[in-house]
C-alpha atoms as a PDB file:
ATOM      1  CA  MET A   1      -5.294 -28.305 -89.633  1.00  0.00           C
ATOM      2  CA  SER A   2      -7.329 -25.273 -88.444  1.00  0.00           C
ATOM      3  CA  GLU A   3      -7.345 -21.602 -89.500  1.00  0.00           C
ATOM      4  CA  VAL A   4      -6.401 -19.161 -86.639  1.00  0.00           C
ATOM      5  CA  ALA A   5      -7.629 -15.940 -86.868  1.00  0.00           C
ATOM      6  CA  ILE A   6      -5.739 -13.361 -84.817  1.00  0.00           C
ATOM      7  CA  VAL A   7      -8.051 -10.363 -83.718  1.00  0.00           C
ATOM      8  CA  GLU A   8      -7.262  -7.199 -81.948  1.00  0.00           C
ATOM      9  CA  ALA A   9     -10.166  -6.613 -79.665  1.00  0.00           C
ATOM     10  CA  CYS A  10     -11.459  -3.401 -78.440  1.00  0.00           C
ATOM     11  CA  GLN A  11      -9.248  -1.182 -80.555  1.00  0.00           C
ATOM     12  CA  ARG A  12      -8.947   2.416 -79.770  1.00  0.00           C
ATOM     13  CA  GLU A  13      -9.300   4.637 -82.851  1.00  0.00           C
ATOM     14  CA  GLY A  14      -8.301   1.805 -85.202  1.00  0.00           C
ATOM     15  CA  ALA A  15      -5.207   0.996 -83.294  1.00  0.00           C
ATOM     16  CA  GLY A  16      -3.936  -1.709 -80.254  1.00  0.00           C
ATOM     17  CA  GLY A  17      -6.558  -3.803 -78.897  1.00  0.00           C
ATOM     18  CA  SER A  18      -6.198  -7.153 -77.186  1.00  0.00           C
ATOM     19  CA  PRO A  19      -4.816 -10.098 -79.557  1.00  0.00           C
ATOM     20  CA  THR A  20      -7.223 -12.784 -79.246  1.00  0.00           C
ATOM     21  CA  ALA A  21      -7.151 -16.325 -81.278  1.00  0.00           C
ATOM     22  CA  VAL A  22     -10.042 -17.352 -82.709  1.00  0.00           C
ATOM     23  CA  LEU A  23     -10.589 -20.916 -84.274  1.00  0.00           C
ATOM     24  CA  ASP A  24     -12.985 -23.625 -84.865  1.00  0.00           C
ATOM     25  CA  ASP A  25     -13.312 -26.156 -82.408  1.00  0.00           C
ATOM     26  CA  ALA A  26     -12.490 -29.788 -83.227  1.00  0.00           C
ATOM     27  CA  ALA A  27     -11.363 -32.839 -81.429  1.00  0.00           C
ATOM     28  CA  PHE A  28      -8.832 -31.075 -79.431  1.00  0.00           C
ATOM     29  CA  THR A  29      -8.039 -32.190 -75.921  1.00  0.00           C
ATOM     30  CA  ASP A  30      -8.228 -29.258 -73.349  1.00  0.00           C
ATOM     31  CA  GLU A  31      -4.392 -29.491 -72.924  1.00  0.00           C
ATOM     32  CA  GLU A  32      -4.006 -28.717 -76.674  1.00  0.00           C
ATOM     33  CA  ARG A  33      -6.634 -25.817 -76.192  1.00  0.00           C
ATOM     34  CA  ARG A  34      -4.468 -24.166 -73.549  1.00  0.00           C
ATOM     35  CA  ARG A  35      -1.433 -24.279 -75.634  1.00  0.00           C
ATOM     36  CA  VAL A  36      -3.197 -22.160 -78.223  1.00  0.00           C
ATOM     37  CA  PRO A  37      -2.787 -18.921 -76.578  1.00  0.00           C
ATOM     38  CA  THR A  38       1.048 -19.270 -76.119  1.00  0.00           C
ATOM     39  CA  GLU A  39       1.626 -20.785 -79.338  1.00  0.00           C
ATOM     40  CA  TRP A  40       0.069 -17.438 -80.926  1.00  0.00           C
ATOM     41  CA  GLY A  41       1.295 -14.904 -78.253  1.00  0.00           C
ATOM     42  CA  THR A  42      -2.327 -13.974 -77.066  1.00  0.00           C
ATOM     43  CA  SER A  43      -3.620 -14.084 -73.625  1.00  0.00           C
ATOM     44  CA  HIS A  44      -6.781 -16.095 -74.648  1.00  0.00           C
ATOM     45  CA  ALA A  45      -8.356 -18.244 -77.720  1.00  0.00           C
ATOM     46  CA  VAL A  46     -11.665 -18.678 -78.342  1.00  0.00           C
ATOM     47  CA  PHE A  47     -13.009 -21.945 -80.004  1.00  0.00           C
ATOM     48  CA  LEU A  48     -16.279 -21.833 -82.385  1.00  0.00           C
ATOM     49  CA  ARG A  49     -18.508 -24.660 -83.150  1.00  0.00           C
ATOM     50  CA  ALA A  50     -21.620 -24.011 -84.980  1.00  0.00           C
ATOM     51  CA  THR A  51     -24.917 -25.344 -83.685  1.00  0.00           C
ATOM     52  CA  GLY A  52     -27.445 -24.629 -86.275  1.00  0.00           C
ATOM     53  CA  ILE A  53     -30.256 -21.876 -86.022  1.00  0.00           C
ATOM     54  CA  GLU A  54     -31.340 -20.337 -82.900  1.00  0.00           C
ATOM     55  CA  ARG A  55     -33.927 -17.443 -82.699  1.00  0.00           C
ATOM     56  CA  HIS A  56     -33.776 -17.386 -86.525  1.00  0.00           C
ATOM     57  CA  GLN A  57     -30.059 -16.647 -86.220  1.00  0.00           C
ATOM     58  CA  PRO A  58     -26.916 -18.707 -86.799  1.00  0.00           C
ATOM     59  CA  ALA A  59     -26.028 -20.244 -83.202  1.00  0.00           C
ATOM     60  CA  TYR A  60     -22.363 -21.050 -82.169  1.00  0.00           C
ATOM     61  CA  THR A  61     -21.106 -22.418 -78.881  1.00  0.00           C
ATOM     62  CA  LEU A  62     -18.068 -20.527 -77.461  1.00  0.00           C
ATOM     63  CA  ARG A  63     -15.389 -21.923 -75.415  1.00  0.00           C
ATOM     64  CA  PHE A  64     -12.563 -19.608 -73.874  1.00  0.00           C
ATOM     65  CA  PHE A  65      -9.154 -21.052 -72.771  1.00  0.00           C
ATOM     66  CA  THR A  66      -6.084 -19.237 -71.394  1.00  0.00           C
ATOM     67  CA  ALA A  67      -2.756 -21.088 -70.700  1.00  0.00           C
ATOM     68  CA  GLU A  68      -4.088 -21.856 -67.155  1.00  0.00           C
ATOM     69  CA  GLY A  69      -7.411 -23.522 -68.344  1.00  0.00           C
ATOM     70  CA  GLU A  70     -10.958 -22.957 -69.522  1.00  0.00           C
ATOM     71  CA  LEU A  71     -12.730 -19.818 -68.489  1.00  0.00           C
ATOM     72  CA  PRO A  72     -16.754 -19.705 -68.254  1.00  0.00           C
ATOM     73  CA  ALA A  73     -16.866 -16.359 -70.250  1.00  0.00           C
ATOM     74  CA  CYS A  74     -14.624 -13.670 -71.748  1.00  0.00           C
ATOM     75  CA  GLY A  75     -15.721 -10.286 -72.944  1.00  0.00           C
ATOM     76  CA  HIS A  76     -13.123  -9.338 -75.411  1.00  0.00           C
ATOM     77  CA  GLY A  77     -12.974 -13.033 -76.550  1.00  0.00           C
ATOM     78  CA  THR A  78     -16.734 -12.853 -77.438  1.00  0.00           C
ATOM     79  CA  LEU A  79     -15.990  -9.480 -79.481  1.00  0.00           C
ATOM     80  CA  ALA A  80     -13.102 -11.312 -81.160  1.00  0.00           C
ATOM     81  CA  ALA A  81     -15.313 -14.292 -81.996  1.00  0.00           C
ATOM     82  CA  LEU A  82     -18.291 -11.848 -83.678  1.00  0.00           C
ATOM     83  CA  ALA A  83     -15.502 -10.174 -85.723  1.00  0.00           C
ATOM     84  CA  VAL A  84     -14.489 -13.581 -87.138  1.00  0.00           C
ATOM     85  CA  LEU A  85     -18.150 -14.709 -87.645  1.00  0.00           C
ATOM     86  CA  ALA A  86     -19.401 -11.314 -89.148  1.00  0.00           C
ATOM     87  CA  GLU A  87     -16.058 -11.307 -91.614  1.00  0.00           C
ATOM     88  CA  ARG A  88     -17.032 -15.150 -92.766  1.00  0.00           C
ATOM     89  CA  GLU A  89     -20.938 -14.569 -93.137  1.00  0.00           C
ATOM     90  CA  GLY A  90     -22.029 -11.120 -92.647  1.00  0.00           C
ATOM     91  CA  GLY A  91     -20.882  -9.814 -96.023  1.00  0.00           C
ATOM     92  CA  ASP A  92     -21.742  -5.935 -96.209  1.00  0.00           C
ATOM     93  CA  HIS A  93     -24.878  -6.370 -93.569  1.00  0.00           C
ATOM     94  CA  ASP A  94     -24.987  -6.203 -89.954  1.00  0.00           C
ATOM     95  CA  TYR A  95     -24.467  -9.489 -88.429  1.00  0.00           C
ATOM     96  CA  ARG A  96     -26.451 -11.226 -85.668  1.00  0.00           C
ATOM     97  CA  ALA A  97     -26.163 -14.539 -83.843  1.00  0.00           C
ATOM     98  CA  THR A  98     -27.054 -16.559 -80.832  1.00  0.00           C
ATOM     99  CA  LEU A  99     -23.857 -17.217 -78.990  1.00  0.00           C
ATOM    100  CA  ARG A 100     -23.895 -20.025 -76.167  1.00  0.00           C
ATOM    101  CA  THR A 101     -21.498 -20.558 -73.256  1.00  0.00           C
ATOM    102  CA  ALA A 102     -21.211 -23.117 -70.423  1.00  0.00           C
ATOM    103  CA  HIS A 103     -24.013 -21.447 -68.546  1.00  0.00           C
ATOM    104  CA  ARG A 104     -26.039 -19.135 -70.892  1.00  0.00           C
ATOM    105  CA  SER A 105     -27.206 -18.143 -74.369  1.00  0.00           C
ATOM    106  CA  PHE A 106     -27.295 -14.450 -75.523  1.00  0.00           C
ATOM    107  CA  ASP A 107     -27.481 -12.174 -78.795  1.00  0.00           C
ATOM    108  CA  GLY A 108     -24.209 -10.908 -80.432  1.00  0.00           C
ATOM    109  CA  ARG A 109     -24.049  -8.360 -83.160  1.00  0.00           C
ATOM    110  CA  ALA A 110     -21.395  -6.848 -85.546  1.00  0.00           C
ATOM    111  CA  THR A 111     -21.461  -4.034 -87.961  1.00  0.00           C
ATOM    112  CA  ARG A 112     -18.753  -3.045 -90.505  1.00  0.00           C
ATOM    113  CA  ASN A 113     -17.061  -0.019 -89.652  1.00  0.00           C
ATOM    114  CA  GLY A 114     -14.634   1.055 -92.280  1.00  0.00           C
ATOM    115  CA  ASP A 115     -11.765  -1.611 -92.464  1.00  0.00           C
ATOM    116  CA  GLY A 116     -12.686  -3.057 -88.880  1.00  0.00           C
ATOM    117  CA  LEU A 117     -15.901  -3.933 -87.082  1.00  0.00           C
ATOM    118  CA  THR A 118     -17.876  -2.915 -84.040  1.00  0.00           C
ATOM    119  CA  ALA A 119     -19.229  -5.778 -82.113  1.00  0.00           C
ATOM    120  CA  SER A 120     -21.512  -5.924 -79.157  1.00  0.00           C
ATOM    121  CA  PHE A 121     -23.340  -8.359 -76.932  1.00  0.00           C
ATOM    122  CA  ASP A 122     -25.467  -8.770 -73.738  1.00  0.00           C
ATOM    123  CA  PRO A 123     -23.131  -9.815 -70.964  1.00  0.00           C
ATOM    124  CA  GLY A 124     -26.195 -11.097 -68.998  1.00  0.00           C
ATOM    125  CA  PRO A 125     -27.479  -9.709 -65.390  1.00  0.00           C
ATOM    126  CA  VAL A 126     -24.668  -8.472 -62.977  1.00  0.00           C
ATOM    127  CA  SER A 127     -24.605  -9.169 -59.373  1.00  0.00           C
ATOM    128  CA  LEU A 128     -23.203  -6.716 -56.836  1.00  0.00           C
ATOM    129  CA  ARG A 129     -22.335  -6.671 -53.105  1.00  0.00           C
ATOM    130  CA  SER A 130     -20.099  -4.374 -51.125  1.00  0.00           C
ATOM    131  CA  ALA A 131     -16.622  -5.172 -50.399  1.00  0.00           C
ATOM    132  CA  GLY A 132     -14.512  -4.288 -47.233  1.00  0.00           C
ATOM    133  CA  GLY A 133     -12.923  -5.683 -44.290  1.00  0.00           C
ATOM    134  CA  PRO A 134     -10.096  -8.457 -44.433  1.00  0.00           C
ATOM    135  CA  GLU A 135     -11.245  -8.951 -48.220  1.00  0.00           C
ATOM    136  CA  LEU A 136     -10.585  -5.492 -49.498  1.00  0.00           C
ATOM    137  CA  ARG A 137      -7.357  -4.751 -47.523  1.00  0.00           C
ATOM    138  CA  ALA A 138      -5.859  -8.215 -48.987  1.00  0.00           C
ATOM    139  CA  VAL A 139      -6.507  -7.007 -52.433  1.00  0.00           C
ATOM    140  CA  VAL A 140      -5.614  -3.467 -51.739  1.00  0.00           C
ATOM    141  CA  ALA A 141      -2.447  -4.761 -50.092  1.00  0.00           C
ATOM    142  CA  GLY A 142      -1.556  -6.859 -53.303  1.00  0.00           C
ATOM    143  CA  LEU A 143      -1.862  -3.545 -55.564  1.00  0.00           C
ATOM    144  CA  GLY A 144       0.828  -1.632 -53.451  1.00  0.00           C
ATOM    145  CA  LEU A 145      -1.690   0.697 -51.916  1.00  0.00           C
ATOM    146  CA  THR A 146      -3.569   1.502 -48.519  1.00  0.00           C
ATOM    147  CA  GLU A 147      -7.195   1.498 -48.084  1.00  0.00           C
ATOM    148  CA  ASN A 148      -7.098   5.482 -48.164  1.00  0.00           C
ATOM    149  CA  ALA A 149      -6.537   5.379 -51.819  1.00  0.00           C
ATOM    150  CA  VAL A 150      -9.539   3.981 -52.742  1.00  0.00           C
ATOM    151  CA  ALA A 151     -11.946   6.848 -53.771  1.00  0.00           C
ATOM    152  CA  ALA A 152     -15.148   5.481 -53.204  1.00  0.00           C
ATOM    153  CA  ASP A 153     -17.013   2.218 -51.749  1.00  0.00           C
ATOM    154  CA  ALA A 154     -15.434  -0.880 -53.636  1.00  0.00           C
ATOM    155  CA  CYS A 155     -17.693  -3.739 -54.409  1.00  0.00           C
ATOM    156  CA  VAL A 156     -17.630  -7.422 -55.588  1.00  0.00           C
ATOM    157  CA  ALA A 157     -19.449  -7.850 -59.215  1.00  0.00           C
ATOM    158  CA  SER A 158     -20.208 -10.864 -61.148  1.00  0.00           C
ATOM    159  CA  ASN A 159     -21.885 -11.800 -64.333  1.00  0.00           C
ATOM    160  CA  GLY A 160     -20.150 -15.122 -63.976  1.00  0.00           C
ATOM    161  CA  ARG A 161     -16.928 -14.992 -62.062  1.00  0.00           C
ATOM    162  CA  PRO A 162     -16.922 -12.468 -59.010  1.00  0.00           C
ATOM    163  CA  ARG A 163     -14.290  -9.799 -59.387  1.00  0.00           C
ATOM    164  CA  LEU A 164     -13.429  -6.631 -57.183  1.00  0.00           C
ATOM    165  CA  LEU A 165     -14.267  -3.448 -58.522  1.00  0.00           C
ATOM    166  CA  LEU A 166     -11.874  -0.762 -56.945  1.00  0.00           C
ATOM    167  CA  PRO A 167     -12.300   2.867 -57.731  1.00  0.00           C
ATOM    168  CA  LEU A 168      -8.987   4.899 -57.532  1.00  0.00           C
ATOM    169  CA  ARG A 169      -8.920   8.800 -57.678  1.00  0.00           C
ATOM    170  CA  SER A 170      -7.354   9.600 -60.775  1.00  0.00           C
ATOM    171  CA  ARG A 171      -5.808   7.976 -63.849  1.00  0.00           C
ATOM    172  CA  ALA A 172      -2.365   9.194 -62.392  1.00  0.00           C
ATOM    173  CA  ALA A 173      -3.171   6.917 -59.558  1.00  0.00           C
ATOM    174  CA  LEU A 174      -4.130   3.908 -61.583  1.00  0.00           C
ATOM    175  CA  ALA A 175      -1.071   4.336 -63.753  1.00  0.00           C
ATOM    176  CA  GLU A 176       0.925   4.283 -60.763  1.00  0.00           C
ATOM    177  CA  LEU A 177      -0.024   0.621 -59.467  1.00  0.00           C
ATOM    178  CA  THR A 178       2.691  -1.809 -58.974  1.00  0.00           C
ATOM    179  CA  PRO A 179       0.905  -5.014 -57.840  1.00  0.00           C
ATOM    180  CA  ASP A 180       2.577  -7.937 -56.232  1.00  0.00           C
ATOM    181  CA  ALA A 181       1.520 -10.769 -58.586  1.00  0.00           C
ATOM    182  CA  THR A 182       1.951 -13.358 -55.841  1.00  0.00           C
ATOM    183  CA  LEU A 183       0.408 -11.341 -53.252  1.00  0.00           C
ATOM    184  CA  LEU A 184      -2.393 -10.387 -55.512  1.00  0.00           C
ATOM    185  CA  ARG A 185      -3.123 -13.966 -56.607  1.00  0.00           C
ATOM    186  CA  ALA A 186      -3.176 -15.400 -53.082  1.00  0.00           C
ATOM    187  CA  ALA A 187      -5.795 -12.717 -52.041  1.00  0.00           C
ATOM    188  CA  CYS A 188      -8.043 -13.293 -54.997  1.00  0.00           C
ATOM    189  CA  GLU A 189      -7.727 -17.200 -54.471  1.00  0.00           C
ATOM    190  CA  ARG A 190      -8.446 -16.860 -50.779  1.00  0.00           C
ATOM    191  CA  TYR A 191     -11.818 -14.774 -51.375  1.00  0.00           C
ATOM    192  CA  GLY A 192     -12.767 -16.508 -54.412  1.00  0.00           C
ATOM    193  CA  LEU A 193     -12.049 -13.827 -56.693  1.00  0.00           C
ATOM    194  CA  LEU A 194     -11.375 -13.865 -60.788  1.00  0.00           C
ATOM    195  CA  GLY A 195      -9.098 -10.703 -60.076  1.00  0.00           C
ATOM    196  CA  CYS A 196      -9.324  -6.975 -59.285  1.00  0.00           C
ATOM    197  CA  TYR A 197     -10.677  -4.143 -61.741  1.00  0.00           C
ATOM    198  CA  ALA A 198      -9.346  -0.996 -60.676  1.00  0.00           C
ATOM    199  CA  TYR A 199     -10.823   2.168 -62.415  1.00  0.00           C
ATOM    200  CA  SER A 200     -10.710   5.598 -62.121  1.00  0.00           C
ATOM    201  CA  LEU A 201     -13.883   7.527 -61.274  1.00  0.00           C
ATOM    202  CA  PRO A 202     -16.031   8.204 -64.868  1.00  0.00           C
ATOM    203  CA  ASP A 203     -16.145  11.907 -65.468  1.00  0.00           C
ATOM    204  CA  ARG A 204     -19.639  13.307 -66.694  1.00  0.00           C
ATOM    205  CA  HIS A 205     -19.377  12.189 -69.963  1.00  0.00           C
ATOM    206  CA  GLY A 206     -18.911   8.501 -68.805  1.00  0.00           C
ATOM    207  CA  ARG A 207     -15.014   8.479 -69.854  1.00  0.00           C
ATOM    208  CA  ALA A 208     -12.922   6.185 -67.470  1.00  0.00           C
ATOM    209  CA  ALA A 209      -9.720   4.343 -67.100  1.00  0.00           C
ATOM    210  CA  ALA A 210      -8.995   0.878 -65.872  1.00  0.00           C
ATOM    211  CA  ARG A 211      -6.607  -1.885 -65.201  1.00  0.00           C
ATOM    212  CA  MET A 212      -7.785  -5.449 -64.839  1.00  0.00           C
ATOM    213  CA  PHE A 213      -5.172  -7.886 -62.860  1.00  0.00           C
ATOM    214  CA  ALA A 214      -6.078 -11.604 -62.755  1.00  0.00           C
ATOM    215  CA  PRO A 215      -3.191 -13.643 -62.013  1.00  0.00           C
ATOM    216  CA  SER A 216      -5.208 -16.617 -60.980  1.00  0.00           C
ATOM    217  CA  ILE A 217      -5.967 -17.479 -64.441  1.00  0.00           C
ATOM    218  CA  GLY A 218      -2.524 -16.603 -65.859  1.00  0.00           C
ATOM    219  CA  VAL A 219      -3.069 -12.898 -66.990  1.00  0.00           C
ATOM    220  CA  PRO A 220      -1.076 -10.854 -64.722  1.00  0.00           C
ATOM    221  CA  GLU A 221      -2.753  -7.993 -66.609  1.00  0.00           C
ATOM    222  CA  ASP A 222      -5.462  -7.820 -69.188  1.00  0.00           C
ATOM    223  CA  ILE A 223      -5.373  -5.713 -72.084  1.00  0.00           C
ATOM    224  CA  ALA A 224      -9.010  -5.281 -72.373  1.00  0.00           C
ATOM    225  CA  ASN A 225     -11.693  -6.681 -70.463  1.00  0.00           C
ATOM    226  CA  ALA A 226     -15.469  -6.190 -71.559  1.00  0.00           C
ATOM    227  CA  ASN A 227     -17.143  -8.175 -68.759  1.00  0.00           C
ATOM    228  CA  SER A 228     -15.471  -6.251 -66.104  1.00  0.00           C
ATOM    229  CA  THR A 229     -16.692  -2.983 -67.806  1.00  0.00           C
ATOM    230  CA  ALA A 230     -20.040  -4.314 -68.115  1.00  0.00           C
ATOM    231  CA  CYS A 231     -20.121  -4.944 -64.243  1.00  0.00           C
ATOM    232  CA  LEU A 232     -18.592  -1.309 -63.803  1.00  0.00           C
ATOM    233  CA  ALA A 233     -21.789  -0.202 -65.890  1.00  0.00           C
ATOM    234  CA  ALA A 234     -23.998  -2.064 -63.578  1.00  0.00           C
ATOM    235  CA  HIS A 235     -22.143  -0.710 -60.244  1.00  0.00           C
ATOM    236  CA  VAL A 236     -22.486   3.270 -61.405  1.00  0.00           C
ATOM    237  CA  ALA A 237     -26.006   3.179 -63.490  1.00  0.00           C
ATOM    238  CA  GLY A 238     -27.949   4.248 -60.364  1.00  0.00           C
ATOM    239  CA  ALA A 239     -25.632   7.519 -59.907  1.00  0.00           C
ATOM    240  CA  GLY A 240     -23.773   8.159 -62.826  1.00  0.00           C
ATOM    241  CA  PRO A 241     -23.902   7.841 -66.659  1.00  0.00           C
ATOM    242  CA  ARG A 242     -25.501   5.264 -68.405  1.00  0.00           C
ATOM    243  CA  ARG A 243     -23.088   5.072 -71.228  1.00  0.00           C
ATOM    244  CA  LEU A 244     -19.244   4.526 -70.391  1.00  0.00           C
ATOM    245  CA  ALA A 245     -16.056   4.363 -72.467  1.00  0.00           C
ATOM    246  CA  VAL A 246     -13.278   2.964 -70.497  1.00  0.00           C
ATOM    247  CA  ASP A 247      -9.632   3.175 -71.687  1.00  0.00           C
ATOM    248  CA  MET A 248      -7.533   0.186 -70.781  1.00  0.00           C
ATOM    249  CA  GLY A 249      -3.985  -1.334 -72.124  1.00  0.00           C
ATOM    250  CA  ASP A 250      -1.992   1.700 -72.137  1.00  0.00           C
ATOM    251  CA  HIS A 251       0.236   0.493 -69.384  1.00  0.00           C
ATOM    252  CA  LEU A 252       1.092  -2.386 -71.768  1.00  0.00           C
ATOM    253  CA  GLY A 253       1.606  -0.448 -74.952  1.00  0.00           C
ATOM    254  CA  ARG A 254      -1.907  -1.549 -76.290  1.00  0.00           C
ATOM    255  CA  PRO A 255      -4.449   1.258 -76.147  1.00  0.00           C
ATOM    256  CA  SER A 256      -7.997  -0.255 -75.896  1.00  0.00           C
ATOM    257  CA  THR A 257     -11.644   1.127 -75.350  1.00  0.00           C
ATOM    258  CA  VAL A 258     -14.361  -0.851 -74.224  1.00  0.00           C
ATOM    259  CA  THR A 259     -17.968   0.631 -74.288  1.00  0.00           C
ATOM    260  CA  ALA A 260     -21.078  -0.335 -71.973  1.00  0.00           C
ATOM    261  CA  THR A 261     -24.343   1.102 -72.173  1.00  0.00           C
ATOM    262  CA  VAL A 262     -27.072   0.375 -69.596  1.00  0.00           C
ATOM    263  CA  HIS A 263     -31.046   0.436 -70.792  1.00  0.00           C
ATOM    264  CA  ARG A 264     -33.934   0.258 -68.634  1.00  0.00           C
ATOM    265  CA  ASP A 265     -36.962  -1.723 -69.637  1.00  0.00           C
ATOM    266  CA  ARG A 266     -40.080  -3.270 -68.334  1.00  0.00           C
ATOM    267  CA  THR A 267     -37.814  -6.367 -67.138  1.00  0.00           C
ATOM    268  CA  GLY A 268     -35.377  -4.286 -65.354  1.00  0.00           C
ATOM    269  CA  GLN A 269     -31.628  -3.143 -66.301  1.00  0.00           C
ATOM    270  CA  ARG A 270     -30.097  -4.571 -69.639  1.00  0.00           C
ATOM    271  CA  ILE A 271     -26.647  -3.961 -70.566  1.00  0.00           C
ATOM    272  CA  ARG A 272     -24.892  -3.846 -73.767  1.00  0.00           C
ATOM    273  CA  VAL A 273     -21.464  -4.156 -73.993  1.00  0.00           C
ATOM    274  CA  GLY A 274     -18.908  -3.382 -77.061  1.00  0.00           C
ATOM    275  CA  GLY A 275     -15.787  -2.422 -78.803  1.00  0.00           C
ATOM    276  CA  GLN A 276     -13.909  -2.223 -82.273  1.00  0.00           C
ATOM    277  CA  ALA A 277     -12.418  -5.108 -83.437  1.00  0.00           C
ATOM    278  CA  ALA A 278     -10.076  -5.817 -86.612  1.00  0.00           C
ATOM    279  CA  ILE A 279      -8.697  -9.351 -87.898  1.00  0.00           C
ATOM    280  CA  VAL A 280      -5.271  -8.706 -88.455  1.00  0.00           C
ATOM    281  CA  ARG A 281      -4.039 -12.125 -89.778  1.00  0.00           C
ATOM    282  CA  ALA A 282      -5.209 -15.472 -90.503  1.00  0.00           C
ATOM    283  CA  VAL A 283      -3.169 -18.431 -90.374  1.00  0.00           C
ATOM    284  CA  VAL A 284      -2.962 -22.452 -90.794  1.00  0.00           C
ATOM    285  CA  ARG A 285      -1.779 -24.329 -87.666  1.00  0.00           C
END
């Protein structure tokens, strides 16, 4: 028997967010793990395993699954996991933990904020390269656009898996997207992309909107995508604001906001990504 917490990650003003299943890992098969998101009506599930103390903090290994299979990372899933751990262990204090995925370990934090929590983590270094030619044309066609609808240079960004960052001229243009899931999935798989993160250009305050399409992992559209927002922060940091607040999920009736902040120190550029999270129910399966 396992307790499953359903967490609404990356809420906006205490509402909406991306429902995410969080539970302690056990002797599940990967097929059983893939069934959890479908069983609980979430796009993703996060499995936690305590591994002791690391860097003077409690340490946990995280595994992320959709109905299609395992992912190496999931930003809003990480925020959901931090909310659950902070509720269990944090009391009234700020909570910190060392989190580990298949490829890296990193710092996670959560702070109580009224009835909910604000969680954040270090998403790791982001690699960027320009995108164009057949790759860009294929993805743009899968979104039902032409190349002249793109507002600035597109790029491929990765902090685990590559995804196309596609700038559009306005929130209205973003809202009007009508992707062809079959075409978009074929384009992403052909060019080794997780998906496409289409976004409106940030205003001078760092406010933007975005939609993330990832049909190749069984998520036609993600309600909130924290890792892609971290990639966007890295992309615009040189010429734009260093703090972003990106609205997502409106098209799906689940208003969400992801924040990302870029800091520079002696070691270079560091990013922190976060959002509000609330545990809406816990059930035993």
